[in-house]
Amino acid sequence: MAIYEGRMQGDSLDLSHVTLRLDDDKRLRIFAGPVAVGSWPMSRVSAERTSIYRFSLNIDGELFEFFPEDPLGFSDEIGAVVDLTRTSRFSLKEAIERTR
């Protein structure tokens, strides 16, 4: 089990502090304080890292932005996609090509 705290917002959710729990049973559970917001199988969750501190989460077809307190740990745990195209905000493609 991995636990990540941060801020989350979406069309149906104003910016609020939440806890995301990635459980061993391959489910994502979201809590706002002591209240369970919901639970989804990881097969219905995808994440894309859109900046150093921000992730775009697609949870069962609904889009959210998540700003975790531990972006590196969250990225590794959830398996976030990082865009390596030339127009990427990170410019990782160019950095990788320069090291070859």
N, C-alpha and C. Protein backbone atom coordinates (compact mmCIF):
# COMPACT_ATOMS: atom_id res chain seq x y z
N MET A 1 0.84 -1.17 0.00
CA MET A 1 0.00 0.00 0.00
C MET A 1 0.89 1.24 0.00
N ALA A 2 0.51 2.22 -0.81
CA ALA A 2 1.22 3.50 -0.86
C ALA A 2 0.21 4.62 -0.67
N ILE A 3 0.59 5.62 0.11
CA ILE A 3 -0.32 6.73 0.43
C ILE A 3 0.34 8.04 0.00
N TYR A 4 -0.45 8.86 -0.72
CA TYR A 4 0.04 10.15 -1.20
C TYR A 4 -0.99 11.22 -0.89
N GLU A 5 -0.53 12.28 -0.23
CA GLU A 5 -1.39 13.41 0.06
C GLU A 5 -1.11 14.51 -0.95
N GLY A 6 -2.13 15.33 -1.20
CA GLY A 6 -1.95 16.44 -2.12
C GLY A 6 -3.26 17.16 -2.37
N ARG A 7 -3.24 18.03 -3.36
CA ARG A 7 -4.43 18.78 -3.74
C ARG A 7 -4.97 18.22 -5.05
N MET A 8 -6.29 18.18 -5.16
CA MET A 8 -6.92 17.64 -6.36
C MET A 8 -8.04 18.56 -6.79
N GLN A 9 -8.19 18.70 -8.11
CA GLN A 9 -9.32 19.47 -8.63
C GLN A 9 -9.78 18.85 -9.94
N GLY A 10 -11.04 19.11 -10.24
CA GLY A 10 -11.65 18.62 -11.47
C GLY A 10 -12.93 19.39 -11.73
N ASP A 11 -13.62 19.05 -12.81
CA ASP A 11 -14.86 19.75 -13.13
C ASP A 11 -15.89 19.63 -12.01
N SER A 12 -15.93 18.47 -11.37
CA SER A 12 -16.92 18.26 -10.32
C SER A 12 -16.31 18.36 -8.92
N LEU A 13 -15.08 18.88 -8.83
CA LEU A 13 -14.39 18.95 -7.54
C LEU A 13 -13.54 20.20 -7.49
N ASP A 14 -13.82 21.07 -6.52
CA ASP A 14 -12.97 22.23 -6.32
C ASP A 14 -11.66 21.78 -5.70
N LEU A 15 -10.65 22.63 -5.79
CA LEU A 15 -9.34 22.31 -5.24
C LEU A 15 -9.48 21.96 -3.76
N SER A 16 -9.09 20.75 -3.41
CA SER A 16 -9.19 20.33 -2.02
C SER A 16 -8.07 19.37 -1.68
N HIS A 17 -7.78 19.28 -0.40
CA HIS A 17 -6.74 18.38 0.09
C HIS A 17 -7.32 16.97 0.16
N VAL A 18 -6.61 16.02 -0.45
CA VAL A 18 -7.07 14.63 -0.47
C VAL A 18 -5.90 13.70 -0.16
N THR A 19 -6.25 12.47 0.12
CA THR A 19 -5.28 11.39 0.28
C THR A 19 -5.62 10.33 -0.74
N LEU A 20 -4.63 9.96 -1.56
CA LEU A 20 -4.79 8.88 -2.53
C LEU A 20 -4.07 7.67 -1.98
N ARG A 21 -4.76 6.55 -1.95
CA ARG A 21 -4.17 5.31 -1.45
C ARG A 21 -4.16 4.28 -2.57
N LEU A 22 -2.98 3.81 -2.92
CA LEU A 22 -2.82 2.77 -3.93
C LEU A 22 -2.64 1.46 -3.18
N ASP A 23 -3.68 0.64 -3.18
CA ASP A 23 -3.68 -0.57 -2.37
C ASP A 23 -3.11 -1.78 -3.11
N ASP A 24 -2.70 -2.76 -2.33
CA ASP A 24 -2.14 -3.99 -2.88
C ASP A 24 -3.14 -4.76 -3.72
N ASP A 25 -4.44 -4.52 -3.52
CA ASP A 25 -5.46 -5.21 -4.31
C ASP A 25 -5.72 -4.51 -5.64
N LYS A 26 -4.77 -3.64 -6.06
CA LYS A 26 -4.82 -2.94 -7.35
C LYS A 26 -6.02 -2.01 -7.46
N ARG A 27 -6.28 -1.27 -6.38
CA ARG A 27 -7.36 -0.28 -6.37
C ARG A 27 -6.81 1.06 -5.92
N LEU A 28 -7.39 2.12 -6.48
CA LEU A 28 -7.10 3.48 -6.04
C LEU A 28 -8.26 3.92 -5.16
N ARG A 29 -7.93 4.36 -3.96
CA ARG A 29 -8.94 4.86 -3.04
C ARG A 29 -8.60 6.31 -2.71
N ILE A 30 -9.62 7.17 -2.74
CA ILE A 30 -9.43 8.59 -2.47
C ILE A 30 -10.22 8.96 -1.23
N PHE A 31 -9.55 9.72 -0.34
CA PHE A 31 -10.16 10.17 0.90
C PHE A 31 -10.02 11.69 1.01
N ALA A 32 -11.05 12.34 1.52
CA ALA A 32 -11.01 13.75 1.89
C ALA A 32 -11.20 13.79 3.39
N GLY A 33 -10.09 13.91 4.11
CA GLY A 33 -10.15 13.76 5.57
C GLY A 33 -10.53 12.32 5.88
N PRO A 34 -11.47 12.12 6.80
CA PRO A 34 -11.88 10.76 7.15
C PRO A 34 -12.93 10.17 6.19
N VAL A 35 -13.40 10.96 5.24
CA VAL A 35 -14.47 10.53 4.34
C VAL A 35 -13.90 9.86 3.09
N ALA A 36 -14.37 8.65 2.81
CA ALA A 36 -13.97 7.95 1.59
C ALA A 36 -14.74 8.54 0.41
N VAL A 37 -14.02 9.08 -0.56
CA VAL A 37 -14.64 9.68 -1.74
C VAL A 37 -15.03 8.60 -2.74
N GLY A 38 -14.14 7.61 -2.93
CA GLY A 38 -14.43 6.55 -3.88
C GLY A 38 -13.28 5.57 -4.00
N SER A 39 -13.55 4.49 -4.74
CA SER A 39 -12.58 3.43 -4.95
C SER A 39 -12.74 2.93 -6.38
N TRP A 40 -11.61 2.80 -7.10
CA TRP A 40 -11.63 2.37 -8.49
C TRP A 40 -10.53 1.35 -8.73
N PRO A 41 -10.79 0.37 -9.60
CA PRO A 41 -9.71 -0.55 -9.98
C PRO A 41 -8.66 0.21 -10.79
N MET A 42 -7.40 -0.12 -10.62
CA MET A 42 -6.33 0.58 -11.32
C MET A 42 -6.45 0.44 -12.83
N SER A 43 -7.15 -0.56 -13.31
CA SER A 43 -7.35 -0.72 -14.75
C SER A 43 -8.21 0.42 -15.32
N ARG A 44 -8.90 1.17 -14.45
CA ARG A 44 -9.73 2.29 -14.89
C ARG A 44 -9.10 3.64 -14.55
N VAL A 45 -7.81 3.61 -14.19
CA VAL A 45 -7.10 4.82 -13.80
C VAL A 45 -5.84 4.96 -14.66
N SER A 46 -5.63 6.16 -15.21
CA SER A 46 -4.37 6.44 -15.90
C SER A 46 -3.87 7.80 -15.45
N ALA A 47 -2.56 7.96 -15.50
CA ALA A 47 -1.94 9.21 -15.04
C ALA A 47 -0.91 9.67 -16.05
N GLU A 48 -0.89 10.98 -16.26
CA GLU A 48 0.12 11.59 -17.11
C GLU A 48 0.75 12.73 -16.33
N ARG A 49 2.06 12.77 -16.32
CA ARG A 49 2.75 13.85 -15.63
C ARG A 49 2.78 15.05 -16.57
N THR A 50 2.10 16.13 -16.18
CA THR A 50 1.98 17.30 -17.05
C THR A 50 2.94 18.42 -16.67
N SER A 51 3.53 18.35 -15.50
CA SER A 51 4.59 19.27 -15.09
C SER A 51 5.36 18.59 -13.96
N ILE A 52 6.31 19.27 -13.41
CA ILE A 52 7.11 18.67 -12.34
C ILE A 52 6.23 18.29 -11.15
N TYR A 53 5.24 19.13 -10.86
CA TYR A 53 4.41 18.93 -9.67
C TYR A 53 2.97 18.54 -9.95
N ARG A 54 2.57 18.44 -11.22
CA ARG A 54 1.16 18.23 -11.55
C ARG A 54 0.98 16.97 -12.39
N PHE A 55 -0.11 16.25 -12.10
CA PHE A 55 -0.48 15.05 -12.83
C PHE A 55 -1.91 15.18 -13.32
N SER A 56 -2.14 14.71 -14.52
CA SER A 56 -3.50 14.61 -15.04
C SER A 56 -3.95 13.17 -14.79
N LEU A 57 -5.03 13.02 -14.03
CA LEU A 57 -5.56 11.70 -13.72
C LEU A 57 -6.87 11.49 -14.46
N ASN A 58 -6.97 10.37 -15.15
CA ASN A 58 -8.22 9.96 -15.77
C ASN A 58 -8.73 8.81 -14.92
N ILE A 59 -9.79 9.09 -14.17
CA ILE A 59 -10.36 8.09 -13.27
C ILE A 59 -11.73 7.71 -13.81
N ASP A 60 -11.78 6.56 -14.43
CA ASP A 60 -13.03 6.04 -14.99
C ASP A 60 -13.68 7.05 -15.94
N GLY A 61 -12.85 7.72 -16.76
CA GLY A 61 -13.34 8.66 -17.76
C GLY A 61 -13.50 10.09 -17.28
N GLU A 62 -13.28 10.35 -16.01
CA GLU A 62 -13.38 11.71 -15.47
C GLU A 62 -11.97 12.24 -15.23
N LEU A 63 -11.71 13.49 -15.66
CA LEU A 63 -10.37 14.06 -15.57
C LEU A 63 -10.20 14.93 -14.33
N PHE A 64 -9.03 14.76 -13.69
CA PHE A 64 -8.67 15.53 -12.51
C PHE A 64 -7.22 15.96 -12.62
N GLU A 65 -6.87 17.02 -11.92
CA GLU A 65 -5.47 17.39 -11.75
C GLU A 65 -5.10 17.09 -10.31
N PHE A 66 -3.94 16.47 -10.12
CA PHE A 66 -3.47 16.11 -8.79
C PHE A 66 -2.08 16.69 -8.58
N PHE A 67 -1.89 17.35 -7.45
CA PHE A 67 -0.63 17.98 -7.07
C PHE A 67 -0.13 17.28 -5.81
N PRO A 68 0.59 16.16 -5.94
CA PRO A 68 1.01 15.41 -4.75
C PRO A 68 2.15 16.11 -4.01
N GLU A 69 2.21 15.86 -2.72
CA GLU A 69 3.32 16.40 -1.92
C GLU A 69 4.63 15.69 -2.26
N ASP A 70 4.55 14.46 -2.75
CA ASP A 70 5.72 13.68 -3.17
C ASP A 70 5.55 13.29 -4.64
N PRO A 71 5.83 14.23 -5.58
CA PRO A 71 5.59 13.94 -6.99
C PRO A 71 6.41 12.78 -7.53
N LEU A 72 7.66 12.65 -7.12
CA LEU A 72 8.50 11.57 -7.63
C LEU A 72 7.99 10.21 -7.19
N GLY A 73 7.69 10.08 -5.91
CA GLY A 73 7.17 8.81 -5.40
C GLY A 73 5.84 8.45 -6.04
N PHE A 74 4.95 9.44 -6.19
CA PHE A 74 3.65 9.19 -6.80
C PHE A 74 3.82 8.76 -8.25
N SER A 75 4.69 9.44 -8.99
CA SER A 75 4.91 9.11 -10.39
C SER A 75 5.39 7.67 -10.55
N ASP A 76 6.35 7.28 -9.72
CA ASP A 76 6.87 5.91 -9.79
C ASP A 76 5.81 4.89 -9.43
N GLU A 77 5.04 5.17 -8.39
CA GLU A 77 4.07 4.19 -7.89
C GLU A 77 2.90 4.01 -8.85
N ILE A 78 2.39 5.10 -9.42
CA ILE A 78 1.20 4.99 -10.27
C ILE A 78 1.57 4.67 -11.72
N GLY A 79 2.86 4.79 -12.06
CA GLY A 79 3.28 4.51 -13.43
C GLY A 79 2.86 5.60 -14.39
N ALA A 80 3.08 6.84 -14.00
CA ALA A 80 2.66 7.97 -14.82
C ALA A 80 3.40 8.00 -16.15
N VAL A 81 2.69 8.43 -17.17
CA VAL A 81 3.26 8.60 -18.50
C VAL A 81 3.91 9.98 -18.55
N VAL A 82 5.11 10.04 -19.13
CA VAL A 82 5.79 11.32 -19.34
C VAL A 82 5.94 11.49 -20.84
N ASP A 83 5.46 12.61 -21.36
CA ASP A 83 5.52 12.88 -22.79
C ASP A 83 6.95 13.22 -23.19
N LEU A 84 7.54 12.41 -24.07
CA LEU A 84 8.91 12.64 -24.52
C LEU A 84 8.98 13.24 -25.92
N THR A 85 7.88 13.78 -26.39
CA THR A 85 7.91 14.38 -27.72
C THR A 85 8.69 15.68 -27.70
N ARG A 86 9.02 16.17 -28.87
CA ARG A 86 9.83 17.38 -29.00
C ARG A 86 9.19 18.58 -28.31
N THR A 87 7.88 18.64 -28.26
CA THR A 87 7.20 19.78 -27.66
C THR A 87 6.96 19.58 -26.17
N SER A 88 7.53 18.54 -25.61
CA SER A 88 7.34 18.26 -24.20
C SER A 88 7.82 19.41 -23.34
N ARG A 89 7.09 19.69 -22.30
CA ARG A 89 7.46 20.74 -21.36
C ARG A 89 8.80 20.43 -20.68
N PHE A 90 9.10 19.14 -20.54
CA PHE A 90 10.33 18.73 -19.87
C PHE A 90 11.54 18.77 -20.78
N SER A 91 11.33 18.74 -22.10
CA SER A 91 12.41 18.66 -23.09
C SER A 91 13.30 17.46 -22.82
N LEU A 92 12.72 16.37 -22.36
CA LEU A 92 13.49 15.18 -22.04
C LEU A 92 14.06 14.51 -23.29
N LYS A 93 13.31 14.57 -24.37
CA LYS A 93 13.79 13.93 -25.58
C LYS A 93 15.14 14.52 -25.99
N GLU A 94 15.25 15.85 -26.00
CA GLU A 94 16.50 16.50 -26.37
C GLU A 94 17.61 16.16 -25.38
N ALA A 95 17.29 16.13 -24.10
CA ALA A 95 18.29 15.82 -23.08
C ALA A 95 18.82 14.39 -23.26
N ILE A 96 17.94 13.46 -23.55
CA ILE A 96 18.35 12.06 -23.74
C ILE A 96 19.21 11.94 -24.99
N GLU A 97 18.80 12.59 -26.07
CA GLU A 97 19.56 12.51 -27.31
C GLU A 97 20.94 13.13 -27.17
N ARG A 98 21.10 14.17 -26.37
CA ARG A 98 22.41 14.80 -26.17
C ARG A 98 23.37 13.88 -25.44
N THR A 99 22.86 12.97 -24.62
CA THR A 99 23.74 12.09 -23.84
C THR A 99 24.20 10.88 -24.63
N ARG A 100 23.66 10.66 -25.80
CA ARG A 100 24.04 9.48 -26.60
C ARG A 100 25.32 9.72 -27.35
